[in-house]
N, C-alpha and C. Protein backbone atom coordinates (compact mmCIF):
# COMPACT_ATOMS: atom_id res chain seq x y z
N UNK A 1 -52.02 9.81 68.33
CA UNK A 1 -51.17 10.88 68.93
C UNK A 1 -51.82 12.31 68.82
N UNK A 2 -51.82 13.00 69.78
CA UNK A 2 -52.49 14.26 69.83
C UNK A 2 -51.61 15.23 69.15
N UNK A 3 -52.21 15.96 68.12
CA UNK A 3 -51.46 16.91 67.38
C UNK A 3 -51.76 18.38 67.96
N UNK A 4 -50.55 19.09 68.09
CA UNK A 4 -50.67 20.49 68.68
C UNK A 4 -49.93 21.59 67.88
N UNK A 5 -50.54 22.70 67.93
CA UNK A 5 -49.88 23.88 67.41
C UNK A 5 -49.59 24.79 68.55
N UNK A 6 -48.24 25.42 68.53
CA UNK A 6 -47.90 26.27 69.62
C UNK A 6 -47.76 27.68 69.06
N UNK A 7 -48.35 28.63 69.72
CA UNK A 7 -48.36 30.08 69.18
C UNK A 7 -47.83 30.89 70.41
N UNK A 8 -46.66 31.52 70.19
CA UNK A 8 -45.95 32.29 71.19
C UNK A 8 -45.00 33.18 70.42
N UNK A 9 -44.81 34.44 70.85
CA UNK A 9 -43.92 35.28 70.08
C UNK A 9 -42.45 34.99 70.43
N UNK A 10 -42.16 34.16 71.40
CA UNK A 10 -40.81 33.86 71.74
C UNK A 10 -40.36 32.46 71.36
N UNK A 11 -39.32 32.35 70.53
CA UNK A 11 -38.86 31.22 70.01
C UNK A 11 -38.64 30.24 71.00
N UNK A 12 -37.86 30.65 72.07
CA UNK A 12 -37.47 29.71 73.09
C UNK A 12 -38.68 29.08 73.82
N UNK A 13 -39.64 29.85 74.00
CA UNK A 13 -40.86 29.41 74.71
C UNK A 13 -41.54 28.34 73.75
N UNK A 14 -41.63 28.69 72.55
CA UNK A 14 -42.37 27.65 71.64
C UNK A 14 -41.41 26.25 71.57
N UNK A 15 -40.18 26.47 71.49
CA UNK A 15 -39.24 25.28 71.49
C UNK A 15 -39.40 24.59 72.75
N UNK A 16 -39.47 25.23 73.87
CA UNK A 16 -39.58 24.49 75.20
C UNK A 16 -40.89 23.75 75.26
N UNK A 17 -42.02 24.23 74.81
CA UNK A 17 -43.26 23.66 74.78
C UNK A 17 -43.25 22.46 73.79
N UNK A 18 -42.49 22.59 72.76
CA UNK A 18 -42.55 21.62 71.73
C UNK A 18 -41.74 20.32 72.29
N UNK A 19 -40.74 20.75 73.10
CA UNK A 19 -39.90 19.64 73.75
C UNK A 19 -40.63 18.86 74.81
N UNK A 20 -41.31 19.65 75.53
CA UNK A 20 -42.13 18.94 76.71
C UNK A 20 -43.31 18.10 76.05
N UNK A 21 -43.89 18.48 75.05
CA UNK A 21 -45.05 17.78 74.27
C UNK A 21 -44.41 16.60 73.72
N UNK A 22 -43.33 16.69 73.17
CA UNK A 22 -42.67 15.44 72.59
C UNK A 22 -42.49 14.39 73.63
N UNK A 23 -41.88 14.90 74.81
CA UNK A 23 -41.71 13.94 75.88
C UNK A 23 -42.88 13.08 76.26
N UNK A 24 -44.05 13.94 76.21
CA UNK A 24 -45.43 13.27 76.64
C UNK A 24 -46.03 12.44 75.41
N UNK A 25 -45.24 12.35 74.38
CA UNK A 25 -45.69 11.58 73.25
C UNK A 25 -46.67 12.21 72.31
N UNK A 26 -46.70 13.59 72.38
CA UNK A 26 -47.65 14.30 71.49
C UNK A 26 -46.75 15.01 70.35
N UNK A 27 -47.36 15.35 69.44
CA UNK A 27 -46.78 15.81 68.10
C UNK A 27 -47.01 17.31 67.88
N UNK A 28 -46.01 18.24 67.73
CA UNK A 28 -46.26 19.63 67.52
C UNK A 28 -46.25 19.69 65.97
N UNK A 29 -47.33 19.95 65.39
CA UNK A 29 -47.44 20.03 63.89
C UNK A 29 -47.28 21.43 63.32
N UNK A 30 -47.06 22.36 64.04
CA UNK A 30 -46.78 23.70 63.54
C UNK A 30 -46.57 24.78 64.76
N UNK A 31 -45.84 25.80 64.40
CA UNK A 31 -45.60 26.95 65.32
C UNK A 31 -45.97 28.19 64.64
N UNK A 32 -46.17 29.23 65.52
CA UNK A 32 -46.42 30.66 64.96
C UNK A 32 -45.99 31.67 65.99
N UNK A 33 -45.58 32.87 65.44
CA UNK A 33 -45.09 33.83 66.43
C UNK A 33 -46.07 35.01 66.62
N UNK A 34 -47.19 34.98 65.89
CA UNK A 34 -48.19 35.89 66.20
C UNK A 34 -49.57 35.34 65.60
N UNK A 35 -50.62 36.07 65.89
CA UNK A 35 -51.98 35.48 65.44
C UNK A 35 -52.09 35.44 63.93
N UNK A 36 -51.71 36.30 63.08
CA UNK A 36 -51.87 36.19 61.67
C UNK A 36 -51.24 34.89 61.24
N UNK A 37 -50.02 34.55 61.71
CA UNK A 37 -49.30 33.43 61.25
C UNK A 37 -50.11 32.11 61.80
N UNK A 38 -50.58 32.29 63.15
CA UNK A 38 -51.30 31.30 63.67
C UNK A 38 -52.46 30.70 62.95
N UNK A 39 -53.28 31.74 62.36
CA UNK A 39 -54.40 31.37 61.63
C UNK A 39 -54.10 30.50 60.46
N UNK A 40 -53.01 30.87 59.82
CA UNK A 40 -52.54 30.14 58.63
C UNK A 40 -52.20 28.77 58.94
N UNK A 41 -51.43 28.59 59.92
CA UNK A 41 -50.84 27.37 60.37
C UNK A 41 -51.97 26.46 60.85
N UNK A 42 -52.86 26.93 61.67
CA UNK A 42 -54.04 26.23 62.20
C UNK A 42 -55.02 25.68 60.95
N UNK A 43 -55.22 26.55 60.10
CA UNK A 43 -56.11 26.20 58.96
C UNK A 43 -55.42 25.14 58.09
N UNK A 44 -54.15 25.13 58.00
CA UNK A 44 -53.49 24.23 57.20
C UNK A 44 -53.27 22.90 57.82
N UNK A 45 -52.97 22.71 59.09
CA UNK A 45 -52.64 21.57 59.80
C UNK A 45 -53.77 20.95 60.55
N UNK A 46 -54.78 21.77 60.90
CA UNK A 46 -56.01 21.29 61.65
C UNK A 46 -55.64 20.41 62.95
N UNK A 47 -54.92 20.97 63.83
CA UNK A 47 -54.46 20.30 65.04
C UNK A 47 -55.60 19.95 65.87
N UNK A 48 -55.24 19.05 66.85
CA UNK A 48 -56.32 18.72 67.91
C UNK A 48 -56.40 19.74 68.91
N UNK A 49 -55.36 20.37 69.21
CA UNK A 49 -55.33 21.43 70.26
C UNK A 49 -54.30 22.63 69.87
N UNK A 50 -54.65 23.84 70.33
CA UNK A 50 -53.76 24.93 70.04
C UNK A 50 -53.30 25.46 71.35
N UNK A 51 -51.99 25.64 71.71
CA UNK A 51 -51.57 26.36 72.75
C UNK A 51 -51.32 27.81 72.42
N UNK A 52 -51.97 28.84 73.08
CA UNK A 52 -51.91 30.25 72.58
C UNK A 52 -51.57 31.05 73.63
N UNK A 53 -50.42 31.81 73.29
CA UNK A 53 -49.96 32.95 74.23
C UNK A 53 -51.01 34.12 74.05
N UNK A 54 -51.23 34.81 75.18
CA UNK A 54 -52.29 36.02 74.89
C UNK A 54 -51.50 37.25 74.69
N UNK A 55 -50.23 37.42 75.15
CA UNK A 55 -49.58 38.70 75.00
C UNK A 55 -48.58 38.66 73.82
N UNK A 56 -48.89 39.12 72.72
CA UNK A 56 -47.96 39.06 71.46
C UNK A 56 -48.20 40.27 70.77
N UNK A 57 -47.12 40.92 70.11
CA UNK A 57 -47.19 42.10 69.38
C UNK A 57 -48.13 41.96 68.08
N UNK A 58 -48.68 43.03 67.79
CA UNK A 58 -49.58 43.12 66.59
C UNK A 58 -50.91 42.28 66.84
N UNK A 59 -50.76 40.99 66.33
CA UNK A 59 -51.94 40.26 66.50
C UNK A 59 -51.86 39.26 67.66
N UNK A 60 -52.60 39.70 68.76
CA UNK A 60 -52.32 38.98 70.11
C UNK A 60 -53.44 37.84 70.02
N UNK A 61 -53.43 37.16 71.31
CA UNK A 61 -54.27 36.17 71.63
C UNK A 61 -55.68 36.31 71.39
N UNK A 62 -56.24 37.45 71.92
CA UNK A 62 -57.67 37.76 71.67
C UNK A 62 -58.03 37.90 70.20
N UNK A 63 -57.09 38.59 69.45
CA UNK A 63 -57.37 38.68 68.00
C UNK A 63 -57.37 37.43 67.44
N UNK A 64 -56.58 36.47 67.77
CA UNK A 64 -56.57 35.15 67.12
C UNK A 64 -57.66 34.34 67.58
N UNK A 65 -58.29 34.37 68.71
CA UNK A 65 -59.41 33.67 69.08
C UNK A 65 -60.64 34.12 68.44
N UNK A 66 -60.72 35.51 68.30
CA UNK A 66 -61.90 36.10 67.47
C UNK A 66 -61.81 35.82 65.97
N UNK A 67 -60.60 35.73 65.47
CA UNK A 67 -60.54 35.32 64.09
C UNK A 67 -60.86 33.88 63.91
N UNK A 68 -60.42 33.01 64.82
CA UNK A 68 -60.78 31.57 64.55
C UNK A 68 -62.24 31.46 64.53
N UNK A 69 -62.89 32.20 65.45
CA UNK A 69 -64.45 32.06 65.48
C UNK A 69 -65.00 32.60 64.20
N UNK A 70 -64.57 33.76 63.74
CA UNK A 70 -65.16 34.32 62.47
C UNK A 70 -64.89 33.42 61.38
N UNK A 71 -63.84 32.70 61.45
CA UNK A 71 -63.42 31.76 60.15
C UNK A 71 -64.04 30.41 60.37
N UNK A 72 -64.78 30.14 61.51
CA UNK A 72 -65.49 28.89 61.81
C UNK A 72 -64.49 27.80 62.02
N UNK A 73 -63.44 28.16 62.68
CA UNK A 73 -62.46 27.04 62.93
C UNK A 73 -62.65 26.76 64.41
N UNK A 74 -62.99 25.49 64.60
CA UNK A 74 -63.53 25.08 66.14
C UNK A 74 -62.42 24.28 66.77
N UNK A 75 -61.16 24.59 66.51
CA UNK A 75 -60.08 23.77 67.17
C UNK A 75 -60.05 24.27 68.70
N UNK A 76 -59.95 23.31 69.68
CA UNK A 76 -59.86 23.75 71.00
C UNK A 76 -58.60 24.53 71.29
N UNK A 77 -58.79 25.60 72.02
CA UNK A 77 -57.56 26.47 72.33
C UNK A 77 -57.33 26.42 73.75
N UNK A 78 -56.20 26.22 74.18
CA UNK A 78 -55.60 26.35 75.55
C UNK A 78 -54.74 27.52 75.76
N UNK A 79 -55.36 28.50 76.44
CA UNK A 79 -54.60 29.86 76.59
C UNK A 79 -53.52 29.69 77.64
N UNK A 80 -52.29 30.17 77.38
CA UNK A 80 -51.07 29.96 78.33
C UNK A 80 -50.50 31.54 78.50
N UNK A 81 -50.53 31.96 79.71
CA UNK A 81 -49.90 33.28 79.88
C UNK A 81 -49.16 33.46 81.10
N UNK A 82 -48.32 34.46 81.26
CA UNK A 82 -47.77 34.67 82.58
C UNK A 82 -48.48 35.79 83.41
N UNK A 83 -49.47 36.20 82.83
CA UNK A 83 -50.33 37.32 83.48
C UNK A 83 -51.58 36.73 84.13
N UNK A 84 -51.76 36.76 85.47
CA UNK A 84 -52.73 36.29 86.22
C UNK A 84 -53.84 37.36 86.34
N UNK A 85 -54.54 37.65 85.28
CA UNK A 85 -55.44 38.82 85.17
C UNK A 85 -56.94 38.27 85.07
N UNK A 86 -57.79 38.56 85.90
CA UNK A 86 -59.17 38.20 85.81
C UNK A 86 -59.89 38.54 84.64
N UNK A 87 -59.71 39.86 84.24
CA UNK A 87 -60.44 40.49 83.03
C UNK A 87 -59.85 39.77 81.75
N UNK A 88 -58.55 39.45 81.74
CA UNK A 88 -58.10 38.72 80.58
C UNK A 88 -58.57 37.31 80.37
N UNK A 89 -58.77 36.63 81.54
CA UNK A 89 -59.40 35.30 81.52
C UNK A 89 -60.79 35.39 80.88
N UNK A 90 -61.55 36.32 81.46
CA UNK A 90 -62.90 36.55 81.02
C UNK A 90 -62.94 36.77 79.49
N UNK A 91 -62.19 37.71 79.06
CA UNK A 91 -62.13 38.06 77.57
C UNK A 91 -61.72 36.82 76.75
N UNK A 92 -60.78 35.99 77.20
CA UNK A 92 -60.33 34.86 76.47
C UNK A 92 -61.41 33.75 76.50
N UNK A 93 -62.11 33.58 77.58
CA UNK A 93 -63.25 32.71 77.57
C UNK A 93 -64.32 33.04 76.65
N UNK A 94 -64.71 34.27 76.85
CA UNK A 94 -65.77 34.81 75.94
C UNK A 94 -65.46 34.74 74.51
N UNK A 95 -64.15 34.87 74.16
CA UNK A 95 -63.81 34.82 72.86
C UNK A 95 -63.56 33.38 72.13
N UNK A 96 -63.79 32.37 73.06
CA UNK A 96 -63.85 30.98 72.62
C UNK A 96 -62.82 30.10 73.18
N UNK A 97 -61.89 30.52 74.07
CA UNK A 97 -60.79 29.68 74.65
C UNK A 97 -61.67 28.70 75.49
N UNK A 98 -61.07 27.38 75.56
CA UNK A 98 -61.64 26.23 76.26
C UNK A 98 -60.84 25.92 77.53
N UNK A 99 -59.67 26.53 77.66
CA UNK A 99 -58.90 26.28 78.84
C UNK A 99 -58.03 27.50 78.95
N UNK A 100 -57.62 27.61 80.36
CA UNK A 100 -56.73 28.79 80.78
C UNK A 100 -55.71 28.39 81.73
N UNK A 101 -54.39 28.35 81.54
CA UNK A 101 -53.42 28.01 82.56
C UNK A 101 -52.28 29.00 82.53
N UNK A 102 -51.58 29.24 83.53
CA UNK A 102 -50.39 29.92 83.55
C UNK A 102 -49.20 29.22 83.15
N UNK A 103 -48.10 29.92 82.68
CA UNK A 103 -47.04 29.17 82.13
C UNK A 103 -46.02 28.52 83.01
N UNK A 104 -46.30 28.64 84.36
CA UNK A 104 -45.55 28.04 85.28
C UNK A 104 -45.95 26.73 85.70
N UNK A 105 -46.79 26.14 84.82
CA UNK A 105 -47.37 24.80 85.18
C UNK A 105 -46.23 23.64 84.96
N UNK A 106 -46.63 22.60 85.54
CA UNK A 106 -45.73 21.38 85.32
C UNK A 106 -45.96 20.70 84.07
N UNK A 107 -45.09 19.67 83.69
CA UNK A 107 -45.32 18.90 82.47
C UNK A 107 -46.56 18.16 82.62
N UNK A 108 -46.72 17.60 83.82
CA UNK A 108 -48.03 16.79 84.05
C UNK A 108 -49.30 17.63 83.95
N UNK A 109 -49.20 18.82 84.41
CA UNK A 109 -50.39 19.70 84.31
C UNK A 109 -50.68 20.05 82.71
N UNK A 110 -49.56 20.39 82.09
CA UNK A 110 -49.72 20.79 80.67
C UNK A 110 -50.29 19.60 79.92
N UNK A 111 -49.67 18.32 80.00
CA UNK A 111 -50.21 17.19 79.14
C UNK A 111 -51.70 16.90 79.59
N UNK A 112 -51.95 17.00 80.90
CA UNK A 112 -53.37 16.66 81.31
C UNK A 112 -54.26 17.60 80.62
N UNK A 113 -53.91 18.86 80.47
CA UNK A 113 -54.81 20.01 79.98
C UNK A 113 -54.95 19.68 78.59
N UNK A 114 -53.86 19.38 77.85
CA UNK A 114 -54.01 19.24 76.43
C UNK A 114 -54.90 17.89 76.16
N UNK A 115 -54.69 16.79 76.88
CA UNK A 115 -55.47 15.60 76.75
C UNK A 115 -56.96 15.89 77.00
N UNK A 116 -57.28 16.79 77.98
CA UNK A 116 -58.53 17.17 78.28
C UNK A 116 -59.28 17.80 77.14
N UNK A 117 -58.63 18.83 76.61
CA UNK A 117 -59.11 19.52 75.56
C UNK A 117 -59.31 18.79 74.32
N UNK A 118 -58.40 17.87 74.07
CA UNK A 118 -58.36 16.97 72.88
C UNK A 118 -59.54 15.94 72.91
N UNK A 119 -59.89 15.69 74.10
CA UNK A 119 -60.96 14.69 74.24
C UNK A 119 -62.36 15.33 74.42
N UNK A 120 -62.39 16.67 74.14
CA UNK A 120 -63.63 17.41 74.00
C UNK A 120 -64.12 18.00 75.39
N UNK A 121 -63.23 18.04 76.47
CA UNK A 121 -63.56 18.63 77.69
C UNK A 121 -63.10 20.07 77.73
N UNK A 122 -63.25 20.73 78.83
CA UNK A 122 -62.92 22.10 79.01
C UNK A 122 -62.03 22.18 80.37
N UNK A 123 -61.21 23.16 80.41
CA UNK A 123 -60.39 23.40 81.64
C UNK A 123 -60.73 24.82 82.36
N UNK A 124 -61.96 24.99 82.63
CA UNK A 124 -62.51 26.35 83.10
C UNK A 124 -62.25 26.28 84.73
N UNK A 125 -62.76 25.35 85.45
CA UNK A 125 -62.75 25.40 86.88
C UNK A 125 -61.43 25.44 87.54
N UNK A 126 -60.39 24.70 87.11
CA UNK A 126 -59.00 24.79 87.71
C UNK A 126 -58.45 26.14 87.25
N UNK A 127 -58.73 26.72 86.27
CA UNK A 127 -58.00 27.82 85.76
C UNK A 127 -58.59 29.11 86.35
N UNK A 128 -59.78 29.18 86.84
CA UNK A 128 -60.54 30.44 87.23
C UNK A 128 -59.76 30.89 88.48
N UNK A 129 -59.32 32.05 88.47
CA UNK A 129 -58.58 32.65 89.57
C UNK A 129 -59.57 33.64 90.46
N UNK A 130 -59.10 33.94 91.58
CA UNK A 130 -60.01 34.79 92.46
C UNK A 130 -60.20 36.16 91.83
N UNK A 131 -59.34 36.63 90.97
CA UNK A 131 -59.60 37.87 90.22
C UNK A 131 -60.69 37.74 89.26
N UNK A 132 -60.71 36.53 88.50
CA UNK A 132 -61.77 36.32 87.56
C UNK A 132 -63.12 36.23 88.24
N UNK A 133 -63.15 35.55 89.35
CA UNK A 133 -64.40 35.32 90.05
C UNK A 133 -64.78 36.78 90.52
N UNK A 134 -63.98 37.61 91.05
CA UNK A 134 -64.36 38.99 91.48
C UNK A 134 -64.91 39.82 90.27
N UNK A 135 -64.22 39.56 89.09
CA UNK A 135 -64.52 40.40 87.93
C UNK A 135 -66.07 39.91 87.58
N UNK A 136 -66.40 38.67 87.62
CA UNK A 136 -67.81 38.26 87.18
C UNK A 136 -68.78 38.87 88.34
N UNK A 137 -68.28 38.67 89.66
CA UNK A 137 -69.25 39.00 90.72
C UNK A 137 -69.48 40.55 90.61
N UNK A 138 -68.64 41.34 90.08
CA UNK A 138 -68.83 42.83 90.10
C UNK A 138 -70.00 43.20 89.02
N UNK A 139 -70.43 42.17 88.18
CA UNK A 139 -71.25 42.50 87.14
C UNK A 139 -72.66 42.13 87.50
N UNK A 140 -73.65 42.97 87.17
CA UNK A 140 -74.90 42.48 87.58
C UNK A 140 -75.44 41.24 87.00
N UNK A 141 -76.31 40.45 87.80
CA UNK A 141 -76.85 39.27 87.30
C UNK A 141 -77.90 39.58 86.17
N UNK A 142 -77.93 38.85 85.19
CA UNK A 142 -78.88 38.74 84.17
C UNK A 142 -80.43 38.84 84.80
N UNK A 143 -81.31 39.46 84.18
CA UNK A 143 -82.68 39.45 84.67
C UNK A 143 -83.27 38.17 84.74
N UNK A 144 -82.79 37.29 83.99
CA UNK A 144 -83.45 35.97 83.82
C UNK A 144 -82.70 34.95 84.66
N UNK A 145 -81.86 35.30 85.51
CA UNK A 145 -80.96 34.27 86.24
C UNK A 145 -81.79 33.38 87.02
N UNK A 146 -82.65 33.92 87.84
CA UNK A 146 -83.54 33.09 88.69
C UNK A 146 -84.29 32.14 87.99
N UNK A 147 -84.95 32.60 86.82
CA UNK A 147 -85.78 31.86 85.99
C UNK A 147 -84.98 30.68 85.41
N UNK A 148 -83.76 31.02 84.96
CA UNK A 148 -82.91 29.90 84.35
C UNK A 148 -82.57 28.79 85.42
N UNK A 149 -82.33 29.27 86.57
CA UNK A 149 -82.10 28.37 87.76
C UNK A 149 -83.23 27.50 88.00
N UNK A 150 -84.39 27.99 87.98
CA UNK A 150 -85.53 27.18 88.22
C UNK A 150 -85.83 26.17 87.03
N UNK A 151 -85.38 26.55 85.91
CA UNK A 151 -85.65 25.66 84.64
C UNK A 151 -84.74 24.40 84.58
N UNK A 152 -83.48 24.52 85.17
CA UNK A 152 -82.64 23.42 85.11
C UNK A 152 -83.06 22.25 86.02
N UNK A 153 -83.10 21.11 85.31
CA UNK A 153 -83.41 19.85 86.18
C UNK A 153 -82.30 19.39 86.99
N UNK A 154 -82.44 18.48 87.86
CA UNK A 154 -81.23 18.17 88.78
C UNK A 154 -80.12 17.37 88.00
N UNK A 155 -80.68 16.60 86.96
CA UNK A 155 -79.74 15.98 86.15
C UNK A 155 -78.88 16.98 85.37
N UNK A 156 -79.53 18.05 84.82
CA UNK A 156 -78.84 19.04 84.06
C UNK A 156 -77.93 19.77 84.94
N UNK A 157 -78.12 20.04 86.15
CA UNK A 157 -77.18 20.46 87.08
C UNK A 157 -75.97 19.61 87.40
N UNK A 158 -76.22 18.35 87.47
CA UNK A 158 -75.16 17.41 87.61
C UNK A 158 -74.19 17.38 86.44
N UNK A 159 -74.84 17.44 85.29
CA UNK A 159 -74.01 17.57 84.10
C UNK A 159 -73.24 18.82 83.94
N UNK A 160 -73.85 19.89 84.28
CA UNK A 160 -73.18 21.23 84.27
C UNK A 160 -72.01 21.27 85.29
N UNK A 161 -72.13 20.69 86.50
CA UNK A 161 -71.05 20.53 87.36
C UNK A 161 -69.79 19.68 86.78
N UNK A 162 -70.14 18.70 86.13
CA UNK A 162 -69.13 17.80 85.53
C UNK A 162 -68.45 18.63 84.28
N UNK A 163 -69.19 19.33 83.57
CA UNK A 163 -68.74 20.11 82.56
C UNK A 163 -67.68 21.16 83.09
N UNK A 164 -68.01 21.81 84.11
CA UNK A 164 -67.22 22.77 84.85
C UNK A 164 -65.89 22.10 85.38
N UNK A 165 -65.98 20.85 85.75
CA UNK A 165 -64.79 20.21 86.14
C UNK A 165 -63.88 19.63 84.96
N UNK A 166 -64.29 19.97 83.80
CA UNK A 166 -63.49 19.55 82.75
C UNK A 166 -63.84 18.08 82.01
N UNK A 167 -64.92 17.55 82.49
CA UNK A 167 -65.22 16.22 81.92
C UNK A 167 -65.75 16.35 80.49
N UNK A 168 -65.29 15.36 79.62
CA UNK A 168 -65.88 15.26 78.27
C UNK A 168 -67.28 14.58 78.47
N UNK A 169 -67.94 14.57 77.29
CA UNK A 169 -69.33 13.88 77.23
C UNK A 169 -69.17 12.35 77.64
N UNK A 170 -68.08 11.64 77.11
CA UNK A 170 -68.00 10.26 77.53
C UNK A 170 -67.72 10.11 78.93
N UNK A 171 -66.87 10.94 79.67
CA UNK A 171 -66.57 10.93 80.97
C UNK A 171 -67.79 11.14 81.86
N UNK A 172 -68.59 12.17 81.42
CA UNK A 172 -69.83 12.40 82.00
C UNK A 172 -70.75 11.23 81.99
N UNK A 173 -70.87 10.69 80.91
CA UNK A 173 -71.72 9.44 80.78
C UNK A 173 -71.24 8.29 81.72
N UNK A 174 -69.95 8.13 81.83
CA UNK A 174 -69.45 7.15 82.77
C UNK A 174 -69.68 7.45 84.18
N UNK A 175 -69.56 8.72 84.59
CA UNK A 175 -69.78 9.16 85.88
C UNK A 175 -71.25 9.12 86.30
N UNK A 176 -72.15 9.26 85.28
CA UNK A 176 -73.66 9.28 85.79
C UNK A 176 -74.37 8.18 85.10
N UNK A 177 -73.60 7.10 84.52
CA UNK A 177 -74.20 5.87 84.09
C UNK A 177 -75.24 6.29 82.93
N UNK A 178 -74.84 7.12 82.07
CA UNK A 178 -75.73 7.57 81.01
C UNK A 178 -74.97 7.23 79.61
N UNK A 179 -75.71 7.11 78.59
CA UNK A 179 -75.05 6.96 77.21
C UNK A 179 -74.54 8.18 76.79
N UNK A 180 -73.51 8.26 75.91
CA UNK A 180 -72.94 9.50 75.47
C UNK A 180 -74.00 10.29 74.55
N UNK A 181 -74.93 9.65 73.99
CA UNK A 181 -75.99 10.28 73.34
C UNK A 181 -76.83 11.14 74.23
N UNK A 182 -77.19 10.49 75.39
CA UNK A 182 -78.05 11.05 76.41
C UNK A 182 -77.30 12.26 76.95
N UNK A 183 -75.94 12.20 77.27
CA UNK A 183 -75.31 13.36 77.68
C UNK A 183 -75.37 14.46 76.73
N UNK A 184 -75.15 14.14 75.53
CA UNK A 184 -75.18 15.12 74.34
C UNK A 184 -76.55 15.94 74.46
N UNK A 185 -77.62 15.17 74.65
CA UNK A 185 -78.97 15.84 74.79
C UNK A 185 -79.09 16.80 76.01
N UNK A 186 -78.47 16.31 77.01
CA UNK A 186 -78.49 17.20 78.30
C UNK A 186 -77.76 18.55 78.01
N UNK A 187 -76.50 18.31 77.32
CA UNK A 187 -75.68 19.35 77.08
C UNK A 187 -76.37 20.41 76.20
N UNK A 188 -77.05 19.98 75.19
CA UNK A 188 -77.72 20.72 74.25
C UNK A 188 -78.92 21.56 74.90
N UNK A 189 -79.55 20.82 75.85
CA UNK A 189 -80.59 21.60 76.62
C UNK A 189 -80.11 22.59 77.46
N UNK A 190 -78.89 22.31 78.12
CA UNK A 190 -78.18 23.39 78.98
C UNK A 190 -77.72 24.50 78.22
N UNK A 191 -77.21 24.36 76.99
CA UNK A 191 -76.76 25.60 76.20
C UNK A 191 -77.95 26.46 75.74
N UNK A 192 -79.06 25.69 75.56
CA UNK A 192 -80.37 26.59 75.18
C UNK A 192 -80.89 27.34 76.34
N UNK A 193 -80.90 26.57 77.45
CA UNK A 193 -81.51 27.24 78.62
C UNK A 193 -80.52 28.41 79.17
N UNK A 194 -79.26 28.20 79.00
CA UNK A 194 -78.32 29.22 79.53
C UNK A 194 -77.95 30.27 78.49
N UNK A 195 -78.51 30.10 77.23
CA UNK A 195 -78.28 31.08 76.19
C UNK A 195 -76.81 31.05 75.87
N UNK A 196 -76.07 29.90 75.94
CA UNK A 196 -74.64 29.90 75.72
C UNK A 196 -74.35 29.27 74.39
N UNK A 197 -73.23 29.79 73.73
CA UNK A 197 -72.84 29.17 72.45
C UNK A 197 -72.05 27.96 72.48
N UNK A 198 -71.37 27.60 73.68
CA UNK A 198 -70.68 26.50 73.84
C UNK A 198 -70.50 26.07 75.27
N UNK A 199 -69.79 25.00 75.59
CA UNK A 199 -69.67 24.38 76.81
C UNK A 199 -68.93 25.43 77.89
N UNK A 200 -67.99 26.09 77.32
CA UNK A 200 -67.08 26.93 78.19
C UNK A 200 -67.98 28.14 78.59
N UNK A 201 -68.73 28.75 77.63
CA UNK A 201 -69.47 29.92 77.97
C UNK A 201 -70.79 29.54 78.79
N UNK A 202 -71.15 28.20 78.78
CA UNK A 202 -72.22 27.73 79.58
C UNK A 202 -71.68 27.77 81.15
N UNK A 203 -70.38 27.38 81.31
CA UNK A 203 -69.85 27.38 82.66
C UNK A 203 -69.59 28.77 83.15
N UNK A 204 -69.24 29.63 82.15
CA UNK A 204 -68.91 31.04 82.56
C UNK A 204 -70.38 31.75 83.11
N UNK A 205 -71.41 31.44 82.33
CA UNK A 205 -72.80 32.03 82.66
C UNK A 205 -73.10 31.23 84.10
N UNK A 206 -72.96 29.95 84.20
CA UNK A 206 -73.39 29.36 85.40
C UNK A 206 -72.63 29.82 86.53
N UNK A 207 -71.27 30.16 86.53
CA UNK A 207 -70.49 30.73 87.51
C UNK A 207 -71.09 32.13 87.90
N UNK A 208 -71.29 32.98 86.90
CA UNK A 208 -71.79 34.22 87.14
C UNK A 208 -73.16 34.27 87.79
N UNK A 209 -73.97 33.24 87.54
CA UNK A 209 -75.35 33.28 87.89
C UNK A 209 -75.48 32.51 89.32
N UNK A 210 -74.35 31.98 89.83
CA UNK A 210 -74.36 31.15 91.06
C UNK A 210 -75.21 29.79 90.95
N UNK A 211 -75.07 29.18 89.75
CA UNK A 211 -75.79 27.91 89.41
C UNK A 211 -75.01 26.73 89.84
N UNK A 212 -73.75 26.83 90.26
CA UNK A 212 -72.87 25.81 90.50
C UNK A 212 -72.69 25.42 92.00
N UNK A 213 -73.37 26.23 92.83
CA UNK A 213 -73.25 25.98 94.33
C UNK A 213 -73.95 24.82 94.76
């Protein structure tokens, strides 16, 4: 059973998500109304996935993501918000979020997203909005973008595209007829070549540099 912590400053929203996840056979092991409380709950319960609101008073979603990183807590975080803002998505992904969805999603979309993150995947590609893409495109390409593109092998590009589609290592292996260990090696090489600290930031860099075309 997938164990989830829900972080939102509105009690009704937390209860709503808890009820939906229960219908899907998942267990909500903790709730929090702000980032400070979230850190304590997450550290204590060690859930499989965290649902995190971005807009909260005092300690908001970005504060929470940055604190999780500084505390070396690597729990996958799915950001949920009513604000379709490109810059906010960028900030959340850069701070360590592995998925981003708006709160008007269906139960099926929510459970699929939680299952994806729990399995080690990411949810970047479906969640990136036109505003986010414009925000990235307005920034200058890194000086080494062309060099990085040349360094990537065709297999690494295939793996990168599947990562961007939310595939876990096991799913990538199944799709490309590779062992999970071989996929891990390709992912490690990708992170090194892209100068990315994790899979989500690798996708962000690849999108910005036009490597997924």
